[in-house]
Amino acid sequence: MDRWATFDCYGTLIDWNAGIVRELERLWGADRAGRLLHRYHEVEPQVQRQNPKQSYRQVLDGSLERLADEEGLDLPAEEGDALSRSLPTWPAFPEVRAALEETRDRGWRLAILSNTDRDFIDASIEQIGVPFELEIVAGEIGSYKPSPWHWEVFLGRSDANRDGYVHVAASLFHDIAPATALGIPTVWINRLGEDPEPEPTRELHDLSALPGTLDELVAA
């Protein structure tokens, strides 16, 4: 039986907070960036829910525009795409490449389930530097997590057996909760020191110990 590990990308593999903060600081200053980042994380799911058929590029641009409007901030027309323009340069977390390479060496097949578009995920995989067997992206399936459709599409396109499949993610709302509801074991990457709700199957603070953790959950 093949063993599959599926991953959320942004926040789990790619440091999206660093990428977003860099642009917020550039636009409106370092003193505001932390508060604006927190507010951005509230705004983006609202924009996604309004129109699940829109591309993630549109979500990024619309979320930045709404953030500026709600906070009374000036957003020059030429900066309306600041986040989507910068996303291909957002860095992978430093331990990610080695952890994924070891996971592959142990016989795991890797897939990404992401609320993004094909061009963005291709650019981010270049940043990660490790190949994936499959990528399921919102821009191609017309759905955003926490809807279960990402997992249904993955199971339909892969040869994954539910007994040999683990989902790895940093977001409780977008990933851990829906995967748990589907009966899929989860590894929560708790980079921010949050309290778990719901409880994941395993909790790690980064991906360094991921290969061994996956082997504990699904033996070779």
N, C-alpha and C. Protein backbone atom coordinates (compact mmCIF):
# COMPACT_ATOMS: atom_id res chain seq x y z
N MET A 1 0.84 -1.21 0.00
CA MET A 1 0.00 0.00 0.00
C MET A 1 0.87 1.25 0.00
N ASP A 2 0.61 2.16 -0.95
CA ASP A 2 1.31 3.44 -0.96
C ASP A 2 0.88 4.27 0.24
N ARG A 3 1.85 4.98 0.80
CA ARG A 3 1.55 5.91 1.88
C ARG A 3 1.58 7.34 1.33
N TRP A 4 0.55 8.11 1.62
CA TRP A 4 0.42 9.47 1.12
C TRP A 4 0.42 10.45 2.29
N ALA A 5 1.17 11.54 2.13
CA ALA A 5 1.08 12.70 3.03
C ALA A 5 0.65 13.89 2.20
N THR A 6 -0.49 14.49 2.57
CA THR A 6 -0.95 15.70 1.90
C THR A 6 -0.66 16.89 2.80
N PHE A 7 -0.41 18.04 2.16
CA PHE A 7 0.03 19.22 2.87
C PHE A 7 -0.77 20.45 2.44
N ASP A 8 -1.14 21.26 3.41
CA ASP A 8 -1.43 22.64 3.09
C ASP A 8 -0.09 23.31 2.75
N CYS A 9 -0.12 24.37 1.97
CA CYS A 9 1.14 25.00 1.56
C CYS A 9 1.46 26.24 2.39
N TYR A 10 0.56 27.22 2.39
CA TYR A 10 0.89 28.54 2.94
C TYR A 10 0.62 28.59 4.44
N GLY A 11 1.71 28.78 5.18
CA GLY A 11 1.67 28.69 6.63
C GLY A 11 2.23 27.38 7.13
N THR A 12 2.23 26.36 6.27
CA THR A 12 2.76 25.05 6.63
C THR A 12 4.13 24.83 6.00
N LEU A 13 4.22 25.03 4.71
CA LEU A 13 5.48 24.87 3.98
C LEU A 13 6.11 26.21 3.61
N ILE A 14 5.26 27.14 3.18
CA ILE A 14 5.70 28.49 2.79
C ILE A 14 5.34 29.47 3.91
N ASP A 15 6.29 30.34 4.25
CA ASP A 15 6.09 31.31 5.33
C ASP A 15 5.27 32.49 4.82
N TRP A 16 3.93 32.26 4.76
CA TRP A 16 3.07 33.30 4.18
C TRP A 16 2.97 34.50 5.10
N ASN A 17 3.07 34.33 6.42
CA ASN A 17 3.04 35.49 7.31
C ASN A 17 4.21 36.42 7.01
N ALA A 18 5.39 35.83 6.79
CA ALA A 18 6.55 36.66 6.46
C ALA A 18 6.34 37.39 5.14
N GLY A 19 5.77 36.69 4.16
CA GLY A 19 5.52 37.33 2.87
C GLY A 19 4.50 38.44 2.96
N ILE A 20 3.41 38.22 3.70
CA ILE A 20 2.38 39.24 3.83
C ILE A 20 2.89 40.42 4.64
N VAL A 21 3.55 40.14 5.77
CA VAL A 21 4.06 41.23 6.61
C VAL A 21 5.04 42.11 5.85
N ARG A 22 5.87 41.50 5.04
CA ARG A 22 6.84 42.28 4.26
C ARG A 22 6.13 43.32 3.40
N GLU A 23 5.01 42.93 2.78
CA GLU A 23 4.28 43.87 1.95
C GLU A 23 3.50 44.89 2.79
N LEU A 24 2.92 44.45 3.91
CA LEU A 24 2.21 45.39 4.78
C LEU A 24 3.16 46.43 5.35
N GLU A 25 4.36 46.02 5.72
CA GLU A 25 5.36 46.97 6.20
C GLU A 25 5.75 47.95 5.11
N ARG A 26 5.93 47.44 3.92
CA ARG A 26 6.34 48.31 2.81
C ARG A 26 5.25 49.33 2.51
N LEU A 27 3.99 48.90 2.57
CA LEU A 27 2.89 49.79 2.23
C LEU A 27 2.56 50.78 3.33
N TRP A 28 2.56 50.30 4.60
CA TRP A 28 2.01 51.12 5.68
C TRP A 28 2.86 51.20 6.93
N GLY A 29 4.07 50.68 6.88
CA GLY A 29 4.99 50.86 8.00
C GLY A 29 5.00 49.70 8.97
N ALA A 30 6.17 49.49 9.59
CA ALA A 30 6.37 48.36 10.49
C ALA A 30 5.51 48.45 11.73
N ASP A 31 5.20 49.66 12.21
CA ASP A 31 4.44 49.81 13.45
C ASP A 31 3.00 49.32 13.30
N ARG A 32 2.47 49.28 12.10
CA ARG A 32 1.10 48.84 11.86
C ARG A 32 1.02 47.39 11.40
N ALA A 33 2.13 46.83 10.96
CA ALA A 33 2.09 45.57 10.22
C ALA A 33 1.53 44.41 11.05
N GLY A 34 1.90 44.31 12.32
CA GLY A 34 1.43 43.20 13.14
C GLY A 34 -0.08 43.20 13.30
N ARG A 35 -0.64 44.37 13.61
CA ARG A 35 -2.09 44.47 13.77
C ARG A 35 -2.80 44.22 12.43
N LEU A 36 -2.25 44.74 11.36
CA LEU A 36 -2.87 44.55 10.06
C LEU A 36 -2.81 43.08 9.61
N LEU A 37 -1.74 42.38 9.96
CA LEU A 37 -1.67 40.96 9.62
C LEU A 37 -2.79 40.19 10.31
N HIS A 38 -3.02 40.47 11.59
CA HIS A 38 -4.10 39.80 12.31
C HIS A 38 -5.44 40.09 11.64
N ARG A 39 -5.65 41.32 11.26
CA ARG A 39 -6.91 41.68 10.61
C ARG A 39 -7.02 41.04 9.23
N TYR A 40 -5.88 40.94 8.52
CA TYR A 40 -5.90 40.31 7.20
C TYR A 40 -6.39 38.87 7.29
N HIS A 41 -5.95 38.16 8.31
CA HIS A 41 -6.36 36.76 8.46
C HIS A 41 -7.86 36.63 8.75
N GLU A 42 -8.48 37.68 9.21
CA GLU A 42 -9.94 37.67 9.38
C GLU A 42 -10.64 38.02 8.07
N VAL A 43 -10.04 38.91 7.30
CA VAL A 43 -10.67 39.40 6.07
C VAL A 43 -10.63 38.35 4.96
N GLU A 44 -9.50 37.67 4.79
CA GLU A 44 -9.35 36.78 3.64
C GLU A 44 -10.42 35.69 3.58
N PRO A 45 -10.74 34.98 4.69
CA PRO A 45 -11.80 33.97 4.59
C PRO A 45 -13.16 34.55 4.21
N GLN A 46 -13.41 35.79 4.62
CA GLN A 46 -14.67 36.44 4.24
C GLN A 46 -14.73 36.65 2.73
N VAL A 47 -13.61 37.10 2.16
CA VAL A 47 -13.56 37.33 0.72
C VAL A 47 -13.69 36.01 -0.03
N GLN A 48 -13.07 34.95 0.47
CA GLN A 48 -13.18 33.64 -0.17
C GLN A 48 -14.62 33.14 -0.17
N ARG A 49 -15.30 33.29 0.96
CA ARG A 49 -16.66 32.79 1.07
C ARG A 49 -17.63 33.53 0.16
N GLN A 50 -17.37 34.79 -0.10
CA GLN A 50 -18.28 35.58 -0.92
C GLN A 50 -18.39 35.04 -2.33
N ASN A 51 -17.28 34.51 -2.86
CA ASN A 51 -17.28 33.98 -4.22
C ASN A 51 -16.26 32.87 -4.34
N PRO A 52 -16.64 31.63 -4.05
CA PRO A 52 -15.69 30.51 -4.10
C PRO A 52 -15.13 30.25 -5.49
N LYS A 53 -15.72 30.82 -6.53
CA LYS A 53 -15.24 30.58 -7.89
C LYS A 53 -14.11 31.51 -8.30
N GLN A 54 -13.84 32.56 -7.52
CA GLN A 54 -12.80 33.49 -7.91
C GLN A 54 -11.42 32.88 -7.71
N SER A 55 -10.45 33.39 -8.45
CA SER A 55 -9.09 32.89 -8.33
C SER A 55 -8.47 33.39 -7.03
N TYR A 56 -7.40 32.71 -6.60
CA TYR A 56 -6.75 33.17 -5.37
C TYR A 56 -6.07 34.52 -5.61
N ARG A 57 -5.63 34.79 -6.82
CA ARG A 57 -5.10 36.12 -7.12
C ARG A 57 -6.16 37.18 -6.83
N GLN A 58 -7.40 36.92 -7.23
CA GLN A 58 -8.48 37.86 -6.93
C GLN A 58 -8.76 37.95 -5.44
N VAL A 59 -8.64 36.81 -4.74
CA VAL A 59 -8.82 36.82 -3.29
C VAL A 59 -7.77 37.69 -2.61
N LEU A 60 -6.51 37.53 -2.99
CA LEU A 60 -5.45 38.33 -2.41
C LEU A 60 -5.67 39.82 -2.67
N ASP A 61 -5.95 40.15 -3.93
CA ASP A 61 -6.14 41.56 -4.27
C ASP A 61 -7.37 42.14 -3.59
N GLY A 62 -8.47 41.37 -3.57
CA GLY A 62 -9.69 41.84 -2.92
C GLY A 62 -9.53 41.98 -1.42
N SER A 63 -8.79 41.07 -0.80
CA SER A 63 -8.59 41.13 0.64
C SER A 63 -7.74 42.34 1.02
N LEU A 64 -6.70 42.60 0.23
CA LEU A 64 -5.87 43.77 0.50
C LEU A 64 -6.68 45.05 0.35
N GLU A 65 -7.51 45.12 -0.68
CA GLU A 65 -8.34 46.30 -0.89
C GLU A 65 -9.33 46.49 0.26
N ARG A 66 -9.97 45.39 0.70
CA ARG A 66 -10.92 45.50 1.81
C ARG A 66 -10.21 45.91 3.09
N LEU A 67 -9.04 45.34 3.34
CA LEU A 67 -8.27 45.72 4.52
C LEU A 67 -7.98 47.21 4.53
N ALA A 68 -7.53 47.73 3.39
CA ALA A 68 -7.23 49.16 3.31
C ALA A 68 -8.49 50.00 3.54
N ASP A 69 -9.59 49.59 2.93
CA ASP A 69 -10.83 50.34 3.09
C ASP A 69 -11.29 50.36 4.54
N GLU A 70 -11.29 49.18 5.18
CA GLU A 70 -11.79 49.09 6.54
C GLU A 70 -10.89 49.80 7.54
N GLU A 71 -9.60 49.86 7.24
CA GLU A 71 -8.66 50.51 8.15
C GLU A 71 -8.40 51.97 7.79
N GLY A 72 -9.04 52.46 6.73
CA GLY A 72 -8.85 53.85 6.34
C GLY A 72 -7.45 54.15 5.84
N LEU A 73 -6.84 53.19 5.13
CA LEU A 73 -5.48 53.32 4.65
C LEU A 73 -5.46 53.60 3.16
N ASP A 74 -4.49 54.38 2.73
CA ASP A 74 -4.34 54.67 1.31
C ASP A 74 -3.66 53.50 0.61
N LEU A 75 -4.30 53.00 -0.45
CA LEU A 75 -3.73 51.93 -1.26
C LEU A 75 -3.65 52.42 -2.70
N PRO A 76 -2.49 52.86 -3.13
CA PRO A 76 -2.35 53.35 -4.51
C PRO A 76 -2.78 52.29 -5.52
N ALA A 77 -3.33 52.72 -6.63
CA ALA A 77 -3.84 51.79 -7.63
C ALA A 77 -2.76 50.81 -8.08
N GLU A 78 -1.53 51.29 -8.20
CA GLU A 78 -0.46 50.42 -8.68
C GLU A 78 -0.01 49.39 -7.64
N GLU A 79 -0.52 49.52 -6.39
CA GLU A 79 -0.17 48.57 -5.33
C GLU A 79 -1.32 47.61 -5.02
N GLY A 80 -2.39 47.67 -5.78
CA GLY A 80 -3.54 46.81 -5.51
C GLY A 80 -3.22 45.33 -5.62
N ASP A 81 -2.18 44.98 -6.37
CA ASP A 81 -1.78 43.58 -6.52
C ASP A 81 -0.50 43.28 -5.75
N ALA A 82 -0.22 44.04 -4.70
CA ALA A 82 1.05 43.88 -3.98
C ALA A 82 1.24 42.47 -3.46
N LEU A 83 0.19 41.88 -2.88
CA LEU A 83 0.33 40.54 -2.32
C LEU A 83 0.46 39.48 -3.42
N SER A 84 -0.42 39.54 -4.41
CA SER A 84 -0.36 38.52 -5.47
C SER A 84 0.93 38.66 -6.29
N ARG A 85 1.42 39.87 -6.43
CA ARG A 85 2.67 40.08 -7.18
C ARG A 85 3.87 39.50 -6.43
N SER A 86 3.81 39.57 -5.10
CA SER A 86 4.96 39.13 -4.31
C SER A 86 4.93 37.66 -3.94
N LEU A 87 3.76 37.01 -4.03
CA LEU A 87 3.62 35.64 -3.53
C LEU A 87 4.67 34.67 -4.09
N PRO A 88 5.01 34.72 -5.38
CA PRO A 88 6.00 33.75 -5.89
C PRO A 88 7.35 33.82 -5.20
N THR A 89 7.64 34.92 -4.48
CA THR A 89 8.93 35.06 -3.79
C THR A 89 8.84 34.71 -2.31
N TRP A 90 7.64 34.39 -1.80
CA TRP A 90 7.53 34.07 -0.38
C TRP A 90 8.36 32.83 -0.07
N PRO A 91 9.16 32.84 1.00
CA PRO A 91 10.12 31.76 1.23
C PRO A 91 9.51 30.54 1.91
N ALA A 92 10.11 29.39 1.68
CA ALA A 92 9.78 28.19 2.45
C ALA A 92 10.41 28.32 3.84
N PHE A 93 9.76 27.71 4.83
CA PHE A 93 10.37 27.63 6.15
C PHE A 93 11.68 26.84 6.06
N PRO A 94 12.67 27.18 6.89
CA PRO A 94 14.02 26.64 6.67
C PRO A 94 14.15 25.13 6.78
N GLU A 95 13.30 24.47 7.58
CA GLU A 95 13.43 23.03 7.75
C GLU A 95 12.65 22.21 6.73
N VAL A 96 11.87 22.88 5.89
CA VAL A 96 10.90 22.17 5.05
C VAL A 96 11.57 21.26 4.03
N ARG A 97 12.54 21.76 3.32
CA ARG A 97 13.13 20.95 2.24
C ARG A 97 13.72 19.64 2.78
N ALA A 98 14.51 19.73 3.84
CA ALA A 98 15.13 18.51 4.38
C ALA A 98 14.09 17.54 4.90
N ALA A 99 13.06 18.06 5.55
CA ALA A 99 12.02 17.19 6.10
C ALA A 99 11.26 16.47 4.99
N LEU A 100 10.92 17.19 3.92
CA LEU A 100 10.19 16.57 2.82
C LEU A 100 11.08 15.57 2.06
N GLU A 101 12.34 15.90 1.89
CA GLU A 101 13.23 14.96 1.21
C GLU A 101 13.35 13.66 2.00
N GLU A 102 13.47 13.75 3.33
CA GLU A 102 13.54 12.54 4.15
C GLU A 102 12.23 11.77 4.10
N THR A 103 11.11 12.50 4.10
CA THR A 103 9.80 11.85 4.01
C THR A 103 9.69 11.06 2.72
N ARG A 104 10.12 11.64 1.61
CA ARG A 104 10.11 10.94 0.32
C ARG A 104 11.04 9.73 0.36
N ASP A 105 12.22 9.90 0.98
CA ASP A 105 13.18 8.80 1.06
C ASP A 105 12.61 7.62 1.85
N ARG A 106 11.68 7.89 2.76
CA ARG A 106 11.06 6.82 3.54
C ARG A 106 9.88 6.17 2.81
N GLY A 107 9.65 6.61 1.59
CA GLY A 107 8.65 5.95 0.77
C GLY A 107 7.29 6.63 0.71
N TRP A 108 7.17 7.80 1.31
CA TRP A 108 5.90 8.52 1.27
C TRP A 108 5.73 9.24 -0.06
N ARG A 109 4.50 9.27 -0.56
CA ARG A 109 4.15 10.10 -1.72
C ARG A 109 3.55 11.41 -1.19
N LEU A 110 3.86 12.52 -1.86
CA LEU A 110 3.52 13.84 -1.36
C LEU A 110 2.52 14.53 -2.28
N ALA A 111 1.57 15.23 -1.67
CA ALA A 111 0.60 16.02 -2.43
C ALA A 111 0.32 17.31 -1.68
N ILE A 112 -0.10 18.33 -2.41
CA ILE A 112 -0.48 19.62 -1.84
C ILE A 112 -1.97 19.83 -2.07
N LEU A 113 -2.68 20.27 -1.03
CA LEU A 113 -4.08 20.68 -1.13
C LEU A 113 -4.12 22.14 -0.72
N SER A 114 -4.30 23.05 -1.67
CA SER A 114 -4.08 24.47 -1.38
C SER A 114 -5.19 25.37 -1.89
N ASN A 115 -5.46 26.40 -1.11
CA ASN A 115 -6.41 27.45 -1.50
C ASN A 115 -5.71 28.48 -2.37
N THR A 116 -5.23 28.06 -3.52
CA THR A 116 -4.47 28.97 -4.36
C THR A 116 -4.67 28.63 -5.84
N ASP A 117 -3.84 29.20 -6.71
CA ASP A 117 -3.92 29.00 -8.15
C ASP A 117 -2.70 28.21 -8.63
N ARG A 118 -2.80 27.65 -9.82
CA ARG A 118 -1.74 26.80 -10.36
C ARG A 118 -0.41 27.56 -10.48
N ASP A 119 -0.41 28.77 -11.00
CA ASP A 119 0.85 29.48 -11.18
C ASP A 119 1.52 29.79 -9.85
N PHE A 120 0.70 30.09 -8.83
CA PHE A 120 1.27 30.36 -7.52
C PHE A 120 1.88 29.10 -6.91
N ILE A 121 1.18 27.98 -6.99
CA ILE A 121 1.68 26.76 -6.36
C ILE A 121 2.93 26.28 -7.10
N ASP A 122 2.99 26.45 -8.42
CA ASP A 122 4.19 26.08 -9.15
C ASP A 122 5.40 26.90 -8.68
N ALA A 123 5.18 28.21 -8.48
CA ALA A 123 6.27 29.07 -8.00
C ALA A 123 6.70 28.68 -6.59
N SER A 124 5.73 28.33 -5.75
CA SER A 124 6.06 27.96 -4.37
C SER A 124 6.78 26.62 -4.30
N ILE A 125 6.43 25.69 -5.18
CA ILE A 125 7.16 24.42 -5.21
C ILE A 125 8.62 24.65 -5.60
N GLU A 126 8.87 25.62 -6.45
CA GLU A 126 10.26 25.97 -6.76
C GLU A 126 10.97 26.48 -5.52
N GLN A 127 10.28 27.28 -4.71
CA GLN A 127 10.87 27.77 -3.46
C GLN A 127 11.16 26.60 -2.51
N ILE A 128 10.26 25.63 -2.47
CA ILE A 128 10.41 24.48 -1.58
C ILE A 128 11.55 23.58 -2.05
N GLY A 129 11.64 23.35 -3.34
CA GLY A 129 12.74 22.58 -3.91
C GLY A 129 12.57 21.08 -3.84
N VAL A 130 11.34 20.60 -3.64
CA VAL A 130 11.05 19.17 -3.56
C VAL A 130 9.83 18.89 -4.43
N PRO A 131 9.85 17.83 -5.25
CA PRO A 131 8.70 17.54 -6.11
C PRO A 131 7.54 16.92 -5.34
N PHE A 132 6.35 17.12 -5.88
CA PHE A 132 5.13 16.52 -5.34
C PHE A 132 4.48 15.69 -6.45
N GLU A 133 3.83 14.60 -6.04
CA GLU A 133 3.15 13.76 -7.02
C GLU A 133 1.87 14.39 -7.53
N LEU A 134 1.25 15.24 -6.72
CA LEU A 134 -0.08 15.76 -7.06
C LEU A 134 -0.30 17.07 -6.33
N GLU A 135 -0.96 18.02 -7.02
CA GLU A 135 -1.36 19.28 -6.40
C GLU A 135 -2.83 19.54 -6.71
N ILE A 136 -3.62 19.76 -5.67
CA ILE A 136 -5.03 20.11 -5.81
C ILE A 136 -5.16 21.57 -5.39
N VAL A 137 -5.54 22.44 -6.34
CA VAL A 137 -5.56 23.87 -6.04
C VAL A 137 -6.96 24.44 -6.28
N ALA A 138 -7.31 25.41 -5.45
CA ALA A 138 -8.65 25.98 -5.48
C ALA A 138 -9.00 26.55 -6.85
N GLY A 139 -8.01 27.17 -7.50
CA GLY A 139 -8.28 27.79 -8.78
C GLY A 139 -8.74 26.83 -9.86
N GLU A 140 -8.48 25.52 -9.67
CA GLU A 140 -8.87 24.51 -10.66
C GLU A 140 -10.09 23.71 -10.26
N ILE A 141 -10.47 23.76 -8.98
CA ILE A 141 -11.62 22.96 -8.54
C ILE A 141 -12.79 23.81 -8.06
N GLY A 142 -12.61 25.15 -8.02
CA GLY A 142 -13.72 26.04 -7.68
C GLY A 142 -14.21 25.91 -6.26
N SER A 143 -13.29 25.66 -5.32
CA SER A 143 -13.69 25.48 -3.93
C SER A 143 -12.53 25.85 -3.03
N TYR A 144 -12.85 26.41 -1.87
CA TYR A 144 -11.83 26.77 -0.89
C TYR A 144 -12.04 25.96 0.39
N LYS A 145 -10.94 25.45 0.95
CA LYS A 145 -11.03 24.86 2.28
C LYS A 145 -11.51 25.95 3.26
N PRO A 146 -12.32 25.58 4.24
CA PRO A 146 -12.54 24.26 4.84
C PRO A 146 -13.59 23.38 4.16
N SER A 147 -14.11 23.76 3.00
CA SER A 147 -14.95 22.82 2.28
C SER A 147 -14.19 21.51 2.08
N PRO A 148 -14.86 20.37 2.17
CA PRO A 148 -14.17 19.08 2.03
C PRO A 148 -13.79 18.72 0.60
N TRP A 149 -14.11 19.55 -0.36
CA TRP A 149 -13.95 19.16 -1.76
C TRP A 149 -12.49 18.89 -2.12
N HIS A 150 -11.53 19.62 -1.53
CA HIS A 150 -10.11 19.33 -1.80
C HIS A 150 -9.79 17.87 -1.52
N TRP A 151 -10.25 17.36 -0.38
CA TRP A 151 -9.94 15.98 0.00
C TRP A 151 -10.67 14.98 -0.91
N GLU A 152 -11.90 15.31 -1.28
CA GLU A 152 -12.64 14.42 -2.18
C GLU A 152 -11.96 14.34 -3.54
N VAL A 153 -11.52 15.48 -4.05
CA VAL A 153 -10.83 15.49 -5.35
C VAL A 153 -9.51 14.72 -5.24
N PHE A 154 -8.78 14.93 -4.17
CA PHE A 154 -7.52 14.21 -3.98
C PHE A 154 -7.74 12.70 -3.99
N LEU A 155 -8.71 12.25 -3.23
CA LEU A 155 -8.98 10.81 -3.16
C LEU A 155 -9.42 10.26 -4.52
N GLY A 156 -10.12 11.10 -5.29
CA GLY A 156 -10.55 10.66 -6.61
C GLY A 156 -9.43 10.61 -7.63
N ARG A 157 -8.44 11.47 -7.49
CA ARG A 157 -7.36 11.55 -8.47
C ARG A 157 -6.16 10.67 -8.12
N SER A 158 -6.03 10.31 -6.86
CA SER A 158 -4.88 9.52 -6.43
C SER A 158 -5.31 8.07 -6.21
N ASP A 159 -4.32 7.26 -5.87
CA ASP A 159 -4.62 5.89 -5.48
C ASP A 159 -4.56 5.74 -3.97
N ALA A 160 -4.75 6.84 -3.25
CA ALA A 160 -4.60 6.83 -1.80
C ALA A 160 -5.64 5.96 -1.12
N ASN A 161 -5.17 5.18 -0.19
CA ASN A 161 -6.03 4.39 0.68
C ASN A 161 -6.19 5.15 1.98
N ARG A 162 -7.41 5.30 2.48
CA ARG A 162 -7.63 6.07 3.70
C ARG A 162 -6.82 5.53 4.88
N ASP A 163 -6.47 4.26 4.85
CA ASP A 163 -5.67 3.68 5.93
C ASP A 163 -4.20 4.06 5.84
N GLY A 164 -3.80 4.65 4.72
CA GLY A 164 -2.40 5.01 4.54
C GLY A 164 -2.21 6.46 4.16
N TYR A 165 -3.01 7.33 4.76
CA TYR A 165 -3.09 8.71 4.32
C TYR A 165 -3.12 9.63 5.54
N VAL A 166 -2.25 10.66 5.56
CA VAL A 166 -2.18 11.62 6.66
C VAL A 166 -2.16 13.03 6.07
N HIS A 167 -2.89 13.95 6.70
CA HIS A 167 -2.88 15.35 6.25
C HIS A 167 -2.08 16.19 7.24
N VAL A 168 -1.23 17.07 6.69
CA VAL A 168 -0.30 17.89 7.48
C VAL A 168 -0.60 19.36 7.20
N ALA A 169 -0.85 20.14 8.26
CA ALA A 169 -1.24 21.53 8.03
C ALA A 169 -1.06 22.36 9.29
N ALA A 170 -1.00 23.67 9.09
CA ALA A 170 -0.88 24.62 10.19
C ALA A 170 -2.21 25.23 10.60
N SER A 171 -3.19 25.24 9.71
CA SER A 171 -4.46 25.93 10.01
C SER A 171 -5.46 24.97 10.61
N LEU A 172 -5.91 25.27 11.83
CA LEU A 172 -6.98 24.49 12.44
C LEU A 172 -8.28 24.66 11.67
N PHE A 173 -8.60 25.89 11.31
CA PHE A 173 -9.88 26.20 10.65
C PHE A 173 -9.95 25.62 9.25
N HIS A 174 -8.92 25.86 8.43
CA HIS A 174 -8.97 25.47 7.03
C HIS A 174 -8.69 23.99 6.80
N ASP A 175 -7.93 23.35 7.71
CA ASP A 175 -7.40 22.01 7.42
C ASP A 175 -7.68 20.98 8.50
N ILE A 176 -7.25 21.24 9.72
CA ILE A 176 -7.33 20.21 10.75
C ILE A 176 -8.79 19.87 11.05
N ALA A 177 -9.65 20.87 11.18
CA ALA A 177 -11.06 20.59 11.49
C ALA A 177 -11.75 19.80 10.38
N PRO A 178 -11.68 20.22 9.11
CA PRO A 178 -12.35 19.44 8.07
C PRO A 178 -11.75 18.06 7.86
N ALA A 179 -10.42 17.93 7.93
CA ALA A 179 -9.80 16.61 7.76
C ALA A 179 -10.23 15.68 8.89
N THR A 180 -10.28 16.20 10.11
CA THR A 180 -10.72 15.40 11.25
C THR A 180 -12.16 14.94 11.06
N ALA A 181 -13.00 15.85 10.57
CA ALA A 181 -14.40 15.49 10.33
C ALA A 181 -14.53 14.39 9.28
N LEU A 182 -13.56 14.31 8.37
CA LEU A 182 -13.57 13.27 7.33
C LEU A 182 -12.92 11.98 7.81
N GLY A 183 -12.43 11.96 9.04
CA GLY A 183 -11.80 10.76 9.57
C GLY A 183 -10.37 10.57 9.12
N ILE A 184 -9.71 11.64 8.66
CA ILE A 184 -8.33 11.56 8.17
C ILE A 184 -7.38 11.93 9.30
N PRO A 185 -6.38 11.10 9.61
CA PRO A 185 -5.39 11.47 10.64
C PRO A 185 -4.67 12.76 10.24
N THR A 186 -4.34 13.57 11.24
CA THR A 186 -3.73 14.87 10.97
C THR A 186 -2.47 15.08 11.80
N VAL A 187 -1.53 15.81 11.21
CA VAL A 187 -0.38 16.34 11.94
C VAL A 187 -0.49 17.86 11.88
N TRP A 188 -0.68 18.45 13.04
CA TRP A 188 -0.84 19.91 13.12
C TRP A 188 0.53 20.54 13.34
N ILE A 189 0.92 21.45 12.45
CA ILE A 189 2.17 22.20 12.58
C ILE A 189 1.85 23.50 13.30
N ASN A 190 2.04 23.50 14.60
CA ASN A 190 1.64 24.63 15.45
C ASN A 190 2.80 25.60 15.58
N ARG A 191 2.99 26.40 14.57
CA ARG A 191 4.11 27.34 14.56
C ARG A 191 3.85 28.55 15.45
N LEU A 192 2.61 28.82 15.79
CA LEU A 192 2.25 30.06 16.49
C LEU A 192 1.92 29.85 17.96
N GLY A 193 2.07 28.63 18.48
CA GLY A 193 1.78 28.39 19.88
C GLY A 193 0.31 28.51 20.23
N GLU A 194 -0.56 28.06 19.32
CA GLU A 194 -2.00 28.14 19.54
C GLU A 194 -2.50 26.95 20.36
N ASP A 195 -3.74 27.07 20.84
CA ASP A 195 -4.40 25.95 21.51
C ASP A 195 -5.20 25.16 20.48
N PRO A 196 -5.09 23.82 20.51
CA PRO A 196 -5.75 23.02 19.48
C PRO A 196 -7.25 22.88 19.69
N GLU A 197 -8.00 23.15 18.65
CA GLU A 197 -9.45 22.89 18.62
C GLU A 197 -9.87 22.78 17.17
N PRO A 198 -10.14 21.56 16.70
CA PRO A 198 -10.16 20.29 17.43
C PRO A 198 -8.76 19.74 17.67
N GLU A 199 -8.69 18.67 18.46
CA GLU A 199 -7.41 18.02 18.74
C GLU A 199 -6.91 17.30 17.48
N PRO A 200 -5.68 17.58 17.05
CA PRO A 200 -5.11 16.81 15.93
C PRO A 200 -4.65 15.45 16.41
N THR A 201 -4.32 14.59 15.47
CA THR A 201 -3.76 13.29 15.82
C THR A 201 -2.37 13.44 16.43
N ARG A 202 -1.55 14.32 15.84
CA ARG A 202 -0.24 14.66 16.38
C ARG A 202 -0.04 16.17 16.25
N GLU A 203 0.81 16.70 17.12
CA GLU A 203 1.15 18.13 17.08
C GLU A 203 2.66 18.30 17.05
N LEU A 204 3.14 19.10 16.10
CA LEU A 204 4.55 19.46 16.00
C LEU A 204 4.66 20.97 15.90
N HIS A 205 5.84 21.51 16.22
CA HIS A 205 6.03 22.95 16.11
C HIS A 205 6.69 23.37 14.79
N ASP A 206 7.28 22.41 14.10
CA ASP A 206 7.74 22.62 12.73
C ASP A 206 7.83 21.23 12.09
N LEU A 207 8.42 21.14 10.89
CA LEU A 207 8.43 19.86 10.18
C LEU A 207 9.64 18.99 10.48
N SER A 208 10.51 19.42 11.38
CA SER A 208 11.76 18.70 11.59
C SER A 208 11.53 17.23 11.94
N ALA A 209 10.54 16.97 12.80
CA ALA A 209 10.27 15.60 13.25
C ALA A 209 9.17 14.92 12.44
N LEU A 210 8.78 15.53 11.33
CA LEU A 210 7.66 14.99 10.57
C LEU A 210 7.90 13.58 10.02
N PRO A 211 9.05 13.27 9.42
CA PRO A 211 9.21 11.93 8.84
C PRO A 211 8.95 10.81 9.86
N GLY A 212 9.53 10.93 11.05
CA GLY A 212 9.31 9.91 12.06
C GLY A 212 7.88 9.88 12.56
N THR A 213 7.26 11.06 12.65
CA THR A 213 5.87 11.12 13.10
C THR A 213 4.94 10.44 12.11
N LEU A 214 5.16 10.67 10.83
CA LEU A 214 4.34 10.00 9.81
C LEU A 214 4.53 8.50 9.88
N ASP A 215 5.76 8.03 10.08
CA ASP A 215 5.99 6.59 10.17
C ASP A 215 5.32 5.98 11.38
N GLU A 216 5.19 6.76 12.46
CA GLU A 216 4.46 6.27 13.63
C GLU A 216 2.99 6.08 13.32
N LEU A 217 2.44 6.98 12.52
CA LEU A 217 1.01 6.94 12.21
C LEU A 217 0.69 5.85 11.19
N VAL A 218 1.55 5.67 10.20
CA VAL A 218 1.33 4.67 9.16
C VAL A 218 2.66 3.96 8.93
N ALA A 219 2.79 2.76 9.45
CA ALA A 219 4.02 2.01 9.31
C ALA A 219 4.22 1.58 7.86
N ALA A 220 5.47 1.44 7.48
CA ALA A 220 5.79 1.02 6.11
C ALA A 220 5.36 -0.42 5.87
